Amino acid sequence: METIVGGISGRAIEVDEDHRLKTNAIAIQHGEIQTHFGHSYLASQSQITANSDTNMTVLSLLTDNEHEFNMFFHVSVTAAAWFRIYEGSVVVNNTGTASVTVYNRNRRSQNISSVWDTKKNPDSQGSIIYWDETDAAGANLTLAGTLIYQEQIGAGRTSASVSRSDDEFILKPDTVYAFVLANAIAAANTHNMILA
């Protein structure tokens, strides 16, 4: 029998071959707890860019001023590309290609992510902005602020957050973030991006 104490950890109770009770420690990871309590979210987008080394795919979001945001990423490409995260980018309201829904990973939960999409008027909670290669290259998105992460990803490769201790970002409140996949060579490139 397994018991979860305080939503974090507990003891597994077993009876051994001599009918004596024994306990074994169990632990539930923080991320799993967040998912079960309906506080874990995911957004994704894919795009095939044209044959150019300037084309990019961008997901941008505005954090609210009340919550702490723990962020992980998973990106993959079919041709060489740069993955960058900008903190404090500038997004003109009511622009971008499309809104992308941020899904609760616990599909039974009614909780909505506290990130904001400024493409809609008024701003919309629980979605983010997708920028295709044309819109991302326009004047409505400025990849300004602080470049907090960059990595070149080779053709047919993936880059992903692996562990909370090494790869998790805690995002600032009331700040625009831009997650960018930009072609490193002139090639049609499939960009896949997941933010969780």
N, C-alpha and C. Protein backbone atom coordinates (compact mmCIF):
# COMPACT_ATOMS: atom_id res chain seq x y z
N MET A 1 0.85 -1.17 0.00
CA MET A 1 0.00 0.00 0.00
C MET A 1 0.89 1.23 0.00
N GLU A 2 0.49 2.25 -0.72
CA GLU A 2 1.31 3.45 -0.86
C GLU A 2 0.53 4.65 -0.35
N THR A 3 1.18 5.47 0.44
CA THR A 3 0.54 6.66 0.98
C THR A 3 1.39 7.86 0.63
N ILE A 4 0.74 8.91 0.20
CA ILE A 4 1.44 10.16 -0.07
C ILE A 4 1.13 11.10 1.08
N VAL A 5 2.14 11.54 1.77
CA VAL A 5 1.98 12.40 2.93
C VAL A 5 2.25 13.83 2.53
N GLY A 6 1.28 14.70 2.74
CA GLY A 6 1.48 16.12 2.44
C GLY A 6 1.70 16.39 0.97
N GLY A 7 1.33 15.46 0.08
CA GLY A 7 1.47 15.67 -1.35
C GLY A 7 2.90 15.59 -1.83
N ILE A 8 3.84 15.19 -0.97
CA ILE A 8 5.23 15.20 -1.40
C ILE A 8 5.84 13.81 -1.33
N SER A 9 5.84 13.16 -0.19
CA SER A 9 6.46 11.85 -0.09
C SER A 9 5.80 11.06 1.01
N GLY A 10 6.11 9.79 1.09
CA GLY A 10 5.51 8.96 2.11
C GLY A 10 6.26 7.66 2.25
N ARG A 11 5.60 6.65 2.79
CA ARG A 11 6.22 5.36 3.02
C ARG A 11 5.40 4.28 2.35
N ALA A 12 6.05 3.35 1.71
CA ALA A 12 5.38 2.19 1.16
C ALA A 12 5.43 1.10 2.21
N ILE A 13 4.27 0.56 2.60
CA ILE A 13 4.21 -0.44 3.66
C ILE A 13 4.09 -1.82 3.03
N GLU A 14 4.94 -2.73 3.44
CA GLU A 14 4.93 -4.09 2.92
C GLU A 14 5.03 -5.08 4.06
N VAL A 15 4.65 -6.31 3.80
CA VAL A 15 4.84 -7.39 4.76
C VAL A 15 5.87 -8.33 4.16
N ASP A 16 6.97 -8.59 4.90
CA ASP A 16 8.01 -9.45 4.36
C ASP A 16 7.65 -10.91 4.58
N GLU A 17 8.57 -11.80 4.18
CA GLU A 17 8.29 -13.24 4.24
C GLU A 17 8.08 -13.76 5.67
N ASP A 18 8.52 -13.05 6.66
CA ASP A 18 8.32 -13.46 8.05
C ASP A 18 7.14 -12.73 8.69
N HIS A 19 6.31 -12.08 7.87
CA HIS A 19 5.12 -11.40 8.32
C HIS A 19 5.43 -10.21 9.24
N ARG A 20 6.56 -9.63 9.03
CA ARG A 20 6.90 -8.42 9.79
C ARG A 20 6.73 -7.22 8.88
N LEU A 21 6.18 -6.18 9.44
CA LEU A 21 6.00 -4.96 8.66
C LEU A 21 7.35 -4.30 8.40
N LYS A 22 7.48 -3.79 7.23
CA LYS A 22 8.65 -2.99 6.92
C LYS A 22 8.20 -1.84 6.03
N THR A 23 8.97 -0.78 5.99
CA THR A 23 8.63 0.35 5.14
C THR A 23 9.80 0.69 4.25
N ASN A 24 9.46 1.17 3.08
CA ASN A 24 10.46 1.64 2.13
C ASN A 24 10.10 3.07 1.77
N ALA A 25 11.09 3.94 1.78
CA ALA A 25 10.83 5.34 1.45
C ALA A 25 10.49 5.48 -0.02
N ILE A 26 9.52 6.34 -0.31
CA ILE A 26 9.20 6.67 -1.70
C ILE A 26 9.28 8.19 -1.82
N ALA A 27 9.56 8.65 -3.00
CA ALA A 27 9.63 10.09 -3.23
C ALA A 27 8.94 10.40 -4.54
N ILE A 28 8.21 11.49 -4.57
CA ILE A 28 7.55 11.94 -5.78
C ILE A 28 8.20 13.26 -6.18
N GLN A 29 8.65 13.34 -7.41
CA GLN A 29 9.36 14.51 -7.90
C GLN A 29 8.43 15.73 -7.92
N HIS A 30 9.03 16.91 -7.71
CA HIS A 30 8.28 18.16 -7.67
C HIS A 30 7.46 18.37 -8.96
N GLY A 31 8.08 18.09 -10.12
CA GLY A 31 7.39 18.28 -11.39
C GLY A 31 6.15 17.41 -11.50
N GLU A 32 6.22 16.20 -11.00
CA GLU A 32 5.07 15.31 -11.04
C GLU A 32 3.95 15.83 -10.14
N ILE A 33 4.33 16.36 -9.00
CA ILE A 33 3.34 16.94 -8.09
C ILE A 33 2.64 18.12 -8.76
N GLN A 34 3.43 18.98 -9.41
CA GLN A 34 2.85 20.13 -10.09
C GLN A 34 1.86 19.69 -11.17
N THR A 35 2.20 18.65 -11.91
CA THR A 35 1.30 18.14 -12.94
C THR A 35 0.02 17.61 -12.32
N HIS A 36 0.14 16.80 -11.27
CA HIS A 36 -1.04 16.23 -10.63
C HIS A 36 -1.94 17.30 -10.03
N PHE A 37 -1.38 18.38 -9.53
CA PHE A 37 -2.18 19.45 -8.95
C PHE A 37 -2.68 20.44 -10.00
N GLY A 38 -2.37 20.20 -11.27
CA GLY A 38 -2.86 21.06 -12.34
C GLY A 38 -2.11 22.36 -12.49
N HIS A 39 -0.80 22.36 -12.15
CA HIS A 39 0.01 23.56 -12.26
C HIS A 39 1.18 23.37 -13.21
N SER A 40 1.00 22.55 -14.23
CA SER A 40 2.05 22.30 -15.22
C SER A 40 1.42 22.44 -16.61
N TYR A 41 2.08 23.21 -17.48
CA TYR A 41 1.48 23.57 -18.76
C TYR A 41 2.45 23.31 -19.91
N LEU A 42 1.89 23.28 -21.12
CA LEU A 42 2.70 22.98 -22.30
C LEU A 42 2.13 23.70 -23.52
N ALA A 43 3.04 24.25 -24.33
CA ALA A 43 2.66 24.85 -25.61
C ALA A 43 3.67 24.37 -26.65
N SER A 44 3.21 24.18 -27.89
CA SER A 44 4.12 23.71 -28.94
C SER A 44 3.76 24.32 -30.28
N GLN A 45 4.76 24.37 -31.16
CA GLN A 45 4.55 24.90 -32.50
C GLN A 45 5.59 24.29 -33.44
N SER A 46 5.19 24.03 -34.67
CA SER A 46 6.09 23.54 -35.71
C SER A 46 5.93 24.40 -36.96
N GLN A 47 7.02 24.55 -37.69
CA GLN A 47 6.99 25.33 -38.93
C GLN A 47 8.11 24.83 -39.85
N ILE A 48 7.83 24.81 -41.15
CA ILE A 48 8.88 24.54 -42.14
C ILE A 48 9.25 25.88 -42.76
N THR A 49 10.49 26.30 -42.56
CA THR A 49 10.92 27.59 -43.10
C THR A 49 11.35 27.43 -44.55
N ALA A 50 11.42 28.56 -45.24
CA ALA A 50 11.91 28.57 -46.62
C ALA A 50 13.43 28.38 -46.63
N ASN A 51 13.98 28.29 -47.82
CA ASN A 51 15.40 28.03 -48.01
C ASN A 51 16.20 29.32 -47.83
N SER A 52 16.37 29.72 -46.58
CA SER A 52 17.08 30.96 -46.29
C SER A 52 17.75 30.86 -44.93
N ASP A 53 18.88 31.54 -44.76
CA ASP A 53 19.55 31.50 -43.47
C ASP A 53 19.07 32.60 -42.53
N THR A 54 18.06 33.35 -42.94
CA THR A 54 17.54 34.40 -42.06
C THR A 54 16.18 34.05 -41.47
N ASN A 55 15.61 32.93 -41.86
CA ASN A 55 14.26 32.61 -41.41
C ASN A 55 14.25 32.05 -40.00
N MET A 56 13.19 32.37 -39.27
CA MET A 56 13.10 31.95 -37.88
C MET A 56 11.67 31.64 -37.49
N THR A 57 11.55 30.90 -36.40
CA THR A 57 10.28 30.64 -35.74
C THR A 57 10.41 31.20 -34.33
N VAL A 58 9.38 31.91 -33.87
CA VAL A 58 9.45 32.53 -32.54
C VAL A 58 8.16 32.22 -31.78
N LEU A 59 8.30 31.90 -30.52
CA LEU A 59 7.18 31.88 -29.58
C LEU A 59 7.47 32.97 -28.56
N SER A 60 6.51 33.85 -28.32
CA SER A 60 6.70 34.91 -27.32
C SER A 60 5.55 34.88 -26.33
N LEU A 61 5.85 35.34 -25.13
CA LEU A 61 4.84 35.37 -24.08
C LEU A 61 5.15 36.50 -23.11
N LEU A 62 4.12 36.91 -22.40
CA LEU A 62 4.25 37.90 -21.34
C LEU A 62 3.89 37.22 -20.03
N THR A 63 4.79 37.24 -19.06
CA THR A 63 4.49 36.68 -17.75
C THR A 63 3.66 37.69 -16.96
N ASP A 64 2.82 37.19 -16.05
CA ASP A 64 2.07 38.14 -15.22
C ASP A 64 2.93 38.60 -14.06
N ASN A 65 2.39 39.47 -13.22
CA ASN A 65 3.21 40.04 -12.16
C ASN A 65 2.98 39.37 -10.80
N GLU A 66 2.29 38.23 -10.78
CA GLU A 66 1.97 37.60 -9.51
C GLU A 66 2.56 36.20 -9.33
N HIS A 67 2.91 35.52 -10.40
CA HIS A 67 3.30 34.11 -10.30
C HIS A 67 4.77 33.89 -10.65
N GLU A 68 5.30 32.81 -10.12
CA GLU A 68 6.64 32.36 -10.51
C GLU A 68 6.46 31.36 -11.65
N PHE A 69 7.27 31.49 -12.68
CA PHE A 69 7.16 30.63 -13.85
C PHE A 69 8.41 29.76 -13.97
N ASN A 70 8.22 28.47 -13.91
CA ASN A 70 9.30 27.51 -14.12
C ASN A 70 9.20 27.07 -15.58
N MET A 71 10.29 27.20 -16.33
CA MET A 71 10.23 26.96 -17.77
C MET A 71 11.26 25.92 -18.20
N PHE A 72 10.79 24.96 -19.01
CA PHE A 72 11.65 24.00 -19.68
C PHE A 72 11.40 24.12 -21.18
N PHE A 73 12.32 23.64 -22.00
CA PHE A 73 12.13 23.69 -23.45
C PHE A 73 12.57 22.39 -24.09
N HIS A 74 12.05 22.16 -25.28
CA HIS A 74 12.47 21.04 -26.13
C HIS A 74 12.37 21.54 -27.56
N VAL A 75 13.48 21.56 -28.29
CA VAL A 75 13.46 22.02 -29.68
C VAL A 75 14.18 21.01 -30.55
N SER A 76 13.74 20.93 -31.82
CA SER A 76 14.43 20.08 -32.78
C SER A 76 14.36 20.73 -34.15
N VAL A 77 15.34 20.41 -34.99
CA VAL A 77 15.44 20.99 -36.33
C VAL A 77 15.92 19.92 -37.31
N THR A 78 15.63 20.14 -38.60
CA THR A 78 16.12 19.22 -39.62
C THR A 78 17.38 19.74 -40.31
N ALA A 79 17.67 21.04 -40.16
CA ALA A 79 18.92 21.64 -40.65
C ALA A 79 19.48 22.50 -39.52
N ALA A 80 20.74 22.86 -39.62
CA ALA A 80 21.40 23.60 -38.54
C ALA A 80 20.64 24.89 -38.21
N ALA A 81 20.54 25.17 -36.91
CA ALA A 81 19.82 26.37 -36.45
C ALA A 81 20.38 26.81 -35.11
N TRP A 82 20.07 28.06 -34.77
CA TRP A 82 20.37 28.60 -33.45
C TRP A 82 19.09 28.61 -32.63
N PHE A 83 19.20 28.22 -31.36
CA PHE A 83 18.09 28.38 -30.43
C PHE A 83 18.51 29.43 -29.42
N ARG A 84 17.66 30.46 -29.25
CA ARG A 84 17.97 31.56 -28.33
C ARG A 84 16.75 31.91 -27.50
N ILE A 85 17.02 32.35 -26.27
CA ILE A 85 15.96 32.86 -25.40
C ILE A 85 16.31 34.30 -25.03
N TYR A 86 15.39 35.21 -25.34
CA TYR A 86 15.57 36.63 -25.04
C TYR A 86 14.61 37.03 -23.92
N GLU A 87 15.14 37.76 -22.96
CA GLU A 87 14.35 38.28 -21.85
C GLU A 87 14.21 39.79 -22.03
N GLY A 88 12.98 40.28 -22.09
CA GLY A 88 12.76 41.71 -22.27
C GLY A 88 12.67 42.13 -23.72
N SER A 89 12.26 41.22 -24.60
CA SER A 89 12.03 41.58 -26.00
C SER A 89 10.87 42.54 -26.09
N VAL A 90 10.74 43.19 -27.23
CA VAL A 90 9.67 44.17 -27.44
C VAL A 90 8.70 43.61 -28.47
N VAL A 91 7.43 43.52 -28.08
CA VAL A 91 6.38 43.02 -28.96
C VAL A 91 5.31 44.10 -29.06
N VAL A 92 4.97 44.48 -30.28
CA VAL A 92 3.90 45.45 -30.49
C VAL A 92 2.57 44.72 -30.28
N ASN A 93 1.69 45.33 -29.48
CA ASN A 93 0.38 44.71 -29.21
C ASN A 93 -0.38 44.43 -30.49
N ASN A 94 -1.15 43.35 -30.45
CA ASN A 94 -2.04 42.95 -31.54
C ASN A 94 -1.29 42.59 -32.82
N THR A 95 -0.08 42.04 -32.65
CA THR A 95 0.69 41.59 -33.81
C THR A 95 1.13 40.15 -33.58
N GLY A 96 1.77 39.57 -34.59
CA GLY A 96 2.18 38.17 -34.54
C GLY A 96 1.37 37.39 -35.55
N THR A 97 1.70 36.13 -35.74
CA THR A 97 1.04 35.31 -36.75
C THR A 97 -0.23 34.67 -36.21
N ALA A 98 -0.15 34.06 -35.04
CA ALA A 98 -1.30 33.35 -34.49
C ALA A 98 -1.13 33.18 -32.98
N SER A 99 -2.23 32.94 -32.31
CA SER A 99 -2.20 32.61 -30.88
C SER A 99 -2.07 31.10 -30.75
N VAL A 100 -1.30 30.68 -29.76
CA VAL A 100 -1.10 29.26 -29.48
C VAL A 100 -1.61 28.98 -28.08
N THR A 101 -2.52 28.03 -27.95
CA THR A 101 -3.08 27.67 -26.65
C THR A 101 -2.02 27.00 -25.79
N VAL A 102 -2.00 27.38 -24.52
CA VAL A 102 -1.14 26.72 -23.54
C VAL A 102 -2.03 25.71 -22.81
N TYR A 103 -1.71 24.42 -22.96
CA TYR A 103 -2.54 23.37 -22.39
C TYR A 103 -2.07 22.98 -21.00
N ASN A 104 -3.04 22.69 -20.14
CA ASN A 104 -2.72 22.13 -18.83
C ASN A 104 -2.35 20.67 -19.05
N ARG A 105 -1.23 20.25 -18.51
CA ARG A 105 -0.78 18.86 -18.69
C ARG A 105 -1.65 17.87 -17.93
N ASN A 106 -2.35 18.33 -16.90
CA ASN A 106 -3.36 17.51 -16.24
C ASN A 106 -4.67 17.83 -16.94
N ARG A 107 -5.11 16.97 -17.83
CA ARG A 107 -6.24 17.28 -18.69
C ARG A 107 -7.57 17.34 -17.94
N ARG A 108 -7.59 16.93 -16.67
CA ARG A 108 -8.80 17.05 -15.86
C ARG A 108 -8.88 18.39 -15.14
N SER A 109 -7.77 19.10 -15.07
CA SER A 109 -7.72 20.36 -14.33
C SER A 109 -8.34 21.50 -15.13
N GLN A 110 -8.98 22.42 -14.42
CA GLN A 110 -9.55 23.62 -15.03
C GLN A 110 -8.62 24.82 -14.91
N ASN A 111 -7.43 24.63 -14.31
CA ASN A 111 -6.49 25.74 -14.14
C ASN A 111 -5.99 26.22 -15.50
N ILE A 112 -5.76 27.53 -15.59
CA ILE A 112 -5.27 28.15 -16.81
C ILE A 112 -3.92 28.78 -16.52
N SER A 113 -2.98 28.63 -17.43
CA SER A 113 -1.66 29.22 -17.26
C SER A 113 -1.78 30.73 -17.13
N SER A 114 -0.88 31.33 -16.36
CA SER A 114 -0.89 32.78 -16.14
C SER A 114 0.00 33.54 -17.11
N VAL A 115 0.40 32.91 -18.21
CA VAL A 115 1.10 33.66 -19.25
C VAL A 115 0.07 34.36 -20.12
N TRP A 116 0.51 35.42 -20.79
CA TRP A 116 -0.41 36.27 -21.55
C TRP A 116 0.02 36.38 -23.01
N ASP A 117 -0.98 36.44 -23.86
CA ASP A 117 -0.83 36.60 -25.30
C ASP A 117 -1.26 38.01 -25.63
N THR A 118 -0.35 38.83 -26.17
CA THR A 118 -0.69 40.22 -26.49
C THR A 118 -1.17 40.38 -27.93
N LYS A 119 -1.34 39.27 -28.66
CA LYS A 119 -1.86 39.35 -30.02
C LYS A 119 -3.33 39.74 -30.03
N LYS A 120 -4.03 39.29 -29.00
CA LYS A 120 -5.46 39.57 -28.91
C LYS A 120 -5.69 40.88 -28.18
N ASN A 121 -6.84 41.48 -28.42
CA ASN A 121 -7.18 42.72 -27.75
C ASN A 121 -8.54 42.55 -27.10
N PRO A 122 -8.66 42.49 -25.78
CA PRO A 122 -7.57 42.67 -24.82
C PRO A 122 -6.65 41.45 -24.78
N ASP A 123 -5.53 41.59 -24.06
CA ASP A 123 -4.59 40.48 -23.92
C ASP A 123 -5.33 39.25 -23.40
N SER A 124 -4.85 38.07 -23.81
CA SER A 124 -5.54 36.83 -23.49
C SER A 124 -4.67 35.96 -22.58
N GLN A 125 -5.24 35.55 -21.45
CA GLN A 125 -4.52 34.66 -20.53
C GLN A 125 -4.60 33.22 -21.04
N GLY A 126 -3.49 32.49 -20.87
CA GLY A 126 -3.48 31.08 -21.21
C GLY A 126 -3.13 30.77 -22.65
N SER A 127 -2.56 31.73 -23.35
CA SER A 127 -2.04 31.46 -24.69
C SER A 127 -0.81 32.34 -24.92
N ILE A 128 -0.05 32.00 -25.97
CA ILE A 128 1.16 32.74 -26.30
C ILE A 128 1.12 33.06 -27.80
N ILE A 129 2.12 33.79 -28.28
CA ILE A 129 2.13 34.21 -29.69
C ILE A 129 3.14 33.39 -30.49
N TYR A 130 2.69 32.92 -31.64
CA TYR A 130 3.55 32.27 -32.63
C TYR A 130 3.85 33.29 -33.72
N TRP A 131 5.13 33.39 -34.08
CA TRP A 131 5.57 34.26 -35.17
C TRP A 131 6.17 33.38 -36.26
N ASP A 132 5.61 33.46 -37.49
CA ASP A 132 6.22 32.71 -38.59
C ASP A 132 7.41 33.49 -39.12
N GLU A 133 8.07 32.95 -40.12
CA GLU A 133 9.31 33.56 -40.61
C GLU A 133 9.10 34.96 -41.16
N THR A 134 7.94 35.23 -41.74
CA THR A 134 7.66 36.56 -42.29
C THR A 134 7.40 37.57 -41.17
N ASP A 135 6.49 37.22 -40.26
CA ASP A 135 6.15 38.14 -39.18
C ASP A 135 7.30 38.36 -38.21
N ALA A 136 8.10 37.32 -37.97
CA ALA A 136 9.23 37.44 -37.04
C ALA A 136 10.29 38.40 -37.58
N ALA A 137 10.36 38.53 -38.90
CA ALA A 137 11.36 39.40 -39.51
C ALA A 137 10.87 40.84 -39.63
N GLY A 138 9.61 41.10 -39.26
CA GLY A 138 9.05 42.44 -39.40
C GLY A 138 9.39 43.35 -38.24
N ALA A 139 8.77 44.52 -38.26
CA ALA A 139 9.09 45.56 -37.26
C ALA A 139 8.33 45.39 -35.95
N ASN A 140 7.40 44.44 -35.87
CA ASN A 140 6.57 44.31 -34.68
C ASN A 140 7.19 43.47 -33.57
N LEU A 141 8.30 42.84 -33.85
CA LEU A 141 9.02 42.03 -32.87
C LEU A 141 10.47 42.46 -32.86
N THR A 142 10.94 42.92 -31.72
CA THR A 142 12.35 43.30 -31.57
C THR A 142 12.99 42.38 -30.55
N LEU A 143 13.94 41.59 -30.99
CA LEU A 143 14.63 40.65 -30.10
C LEU A 143 15.67 41.43 -29.32
N ALA A 144 15.16 42.20 -28.37
CA ALA A 144 16.01 43.08 -27.57
C ALA A 144 16.15 42.50 -26.18
N GLY A 145 16.58 43.33 -25.24
CA GLY A 145 16.71 42.87 -23.87
C GLY A 145 17.96 42.04 -23.68
N THR A 146 17.83 41.00 -22.88
CA THR A 146 18.98 40.18 -22.51
C THR A 146 18.89 38.81 -23.16
N LEU A 147 19.95 38.43 -23.85
CA LEU A 147 20.04 37.08 -24.40
C LEU A 147 20.48 36.17 -23.25
N ILE A 148 19.55 35.35 -22.73
CA ILE A 148 19.87 34.54 -21.55
C ILE A 148 20.27 33.11 -21.90
N TYR A 149 20.09 32.71 -23.17
CA TYR A 149 20.49 31.36 -23.56
C TYR A 149 20.67 31.32 -25.06
N GLN A 150 21.71 30.63 -25.51
CA GLN A 150 21.86 30.36 -26.94
C GLN A 150 22.64 29.09 -27.14
N GLU A 151 22.28 28.39 -28.20
CA GLU A 151 22.91 27.11 -28.53
C GLU A 151 22.73 26.86 -30.01
N GLN A 152 23.77 26.39 -30.68
CA GLN A 152 23.60 25.98 -32.06
C GLN A 152 23.25 24.50 -32.09
N ILE A 153 22.23 24.18 -32.86
CA ILE A 153 21.73 22.81 -32.95
C ILE A 153 22.04 22.30 -34.35
N GLY A 154 22.65 21.14 -34.45
CA GLY A 154 23.01 20.58 -35.74
C GLY A 154 21.82 19.98 -36.46
N ALA A 155 22.01 19.69 -37.75
CA ALA A 155 20.94 19.13 -38.57
C ALA A 155 20.43 17.82 -37.98
N GLY A 156 19.11 17.71 -37.90
CA GLY A 156 18.50 16.50 -37.39
C GLY A 156 18.70 16.29 -35.91
N ARG A 157 18.99 17.35 -35.19
CA ARG A 157 19.29 17.24 -33.75
C ARG A 157 18.19 17.83 -32.89
N THR A 158 18.28 17.50 -31.61
CA THR A 158 17.33 17.97 -30.61
C THR A 158 18.10 18.61 -29.47
N SER A 159 17.51 19.62 -28.86
CA SER A 159 18.03 20.18 -27.63
C SER A 159 16.87 20.24 -26.66
N ALA A 160 17.12 19.84 -25.42
CA ALA A 160 16.01 19.81 -24.47
C ALA A 160 16.51 20.00 -23.05
N SER A 161 15.64 20.56 -22.22
CA SER A 161 15.91 20.60 -20.79
C SER A 161 15.85 19.18 -20.27
N VAL A 162 16.79 18.82 -19.42
CA VAL A 162 16.87 17.45 -18.94
C VAL A 162 16.52 17.35 -17.47
N SER A 163 17.03 18.26 -16.65
CA SER A 163 16.77 18.18 -15.22
C SER A 163 16.49 19.55 -14.64
N ARG A 164 15.70 19.58 -13.56
CA ARG A 164 15.38 20.85 -12.91
C ARG A 164 16.64 21.55 -12.43
N SER A 165 17.58 20.78 -11.87
CA SER A 165 18.76 21.41 -11.28
C SER A 165 19.67 22.04 -12.32
N ASP A 166 19.65 21.53 -13.55
CA ASP A 166 20.57 22.03 -14.58
C ASP A 166 19.92 22.93 -15.62
N ASP A 167 18.64 22.71 -15.93
CA ASP A 167 18.07 23.31 -17.13
C ASP A 167 16.84 24.19 -16.92
N GLU A 168 16.32 24.25 -15.73
CA GLU A 168 15.10 25.00 -15.50
C GLU A 168 15.39 26.50 -15.43
N PHE A 169 14.51 27.30 -16.04
CA PHE A 169 14.55 28.75 -15.90
C PHE A 169 13.40 29.18 -15.01
N ILE A 170 13.65 30.12 -14.11
CA ILE A 170 12.60 30.78 -13.35
C ILE A 170 12.44 32.16 -13.98
N LEU A 171 11.34 32.38 -14.67
CA LEU A 171 11.16 33.61 -15.44
C LEU A 171 10.73 34.77 -14.55
N LYS A 172 11.17 35.98 -14.93
CA LYS A 172 10.81 37.20 -14.21
C LYS A 172 9.32 37.52 -14.41
N PRO A 173 8.71 38.16 -13.42
CA PRO A 173 7.31 38.59 -13.60
C PRO A 173 7.22 39.78 -14.54
N ASP A 174 6.05 39.92 -15.16
CA ASP A 174 5.71 41.08 -16.00
C ASP A 174 6.81 41.37 -17.03
N THR A 175 7.23 40.31 -17.73
CA THR A 175 8.34 40.42 -18.68
C THR A 175 8.00 39.65 -19.95
N VAL A 176 8.37 40.21 -21.10
CA VAL A 176 8.19 39.53 -22.38
C VAL A 176 9.40 38.64 -22.64
N TYR A 177 9.14 37.38 -22.99
CA TYR A 177 10.18 36.44 -23.36
C TYR A 177 9.96 36.00 -24.80
N ALA A 178 11.04 35.84 -25.54
CA ALA A 178 10.98 35.33 -26.92
C ALA A 178 11.87 34.11 -27.03
N PHE A 179 11.32 33.02 -27.54
CA PHE A 179 12.03 31.76 -27.74
C PHE A 179 12.16 31.59 -29.25
N VAL A 180 13.41 31.55 -29.73
CA VAL A 180 13.68 31.72 -31.15
C VAL A 180 14.47 30.54 -31.70
N LEU A 181 13.99 29.97 -32.82
CA LEU A 181 14.78 29.05 -33.63
C LEU A 181 15.08 29.77 -34.93
N ALA A 182 16.36 30.00 -35.23
CA ALA A 182 16.77 30.75 -36.43
C ALA A 182 17.71 29.89 -37.27
N ASN A 183 17.43 29.78 -38.55
CA ASN A 183 18.28 28.98 -39.43
C ASN A 183 19.72 29.47 -39.41
N ALA A 184 20.64 28.53 -39.32
CA ALA A 184 22.06 28.86 -39.34
C ALA A 184 22.64 28.75 -40.74
N ILE A 185 21.93 28.08 -41.64
CA ILE A 185 22.38 27.93 -43.02
C ILE A 185 21.18 28.14 -43.94
N ALA A 186 21.45 28.33 -45.22
CA ALA A 186 20.37 28.48 -46.19
C ALA A 186 19.84 27.10 -46.54
N ALA A 187 18.76 26.72 -45.88
CA ALA A 187 18.14 25.42 -46.13
C ALA A 187 16.72 25.45 -45.61
N ALA A 188 15.83 24.78 -46.33
CA ALA A 188 14.49 24.59 -45.78
C ALA A 188 14.64 23.80 -44.49
N ASN A 189 13.97 24.22 -43.45
CA ASN A 189 14.24 23.67 -42.13
C ASN A 189 12.93 23.49 -41.37
N THR A 190 12.74 22.33 -40.81
CA THR A 190 11.57 22.10 -39.96
C THR A 190 11.93 22.45 -38.54
N HIS A 191 11.25 23.42 -37.98
CA HIS A 191 11.45 23.85 -36.60
C HIS A 191 10.34 23.27 -35.73
N ASN A 192 10.70 22.62 -34.65
CA ASN A 192 9.74 22.13 -33.65
C ASN A 192 10.13 22.71 -32.32
N MET A 193 9.17 23.31 -31.62
CA MET A 193 9.48 23.94 -30.34
C MET A 193 8.38 23.59 -29.33
N ILE A 194 8.80 23.13 -28.15
CA ILE A 194 7.88 22.83 -27.06
C ILE A 194 8.35 23.60 -25.83
N LEU A 195 7.45 24.33 -25.22
CA LEU A 195 7.74 25.03 -23.95
C LEU A 195 6.85 24.41 -22.89
N ALA A 196 7.45 24.09 -21.76
CA ALA A 196 6.68 23.48 -20.67
C ALA A 196 7.08 24.11 -19.35
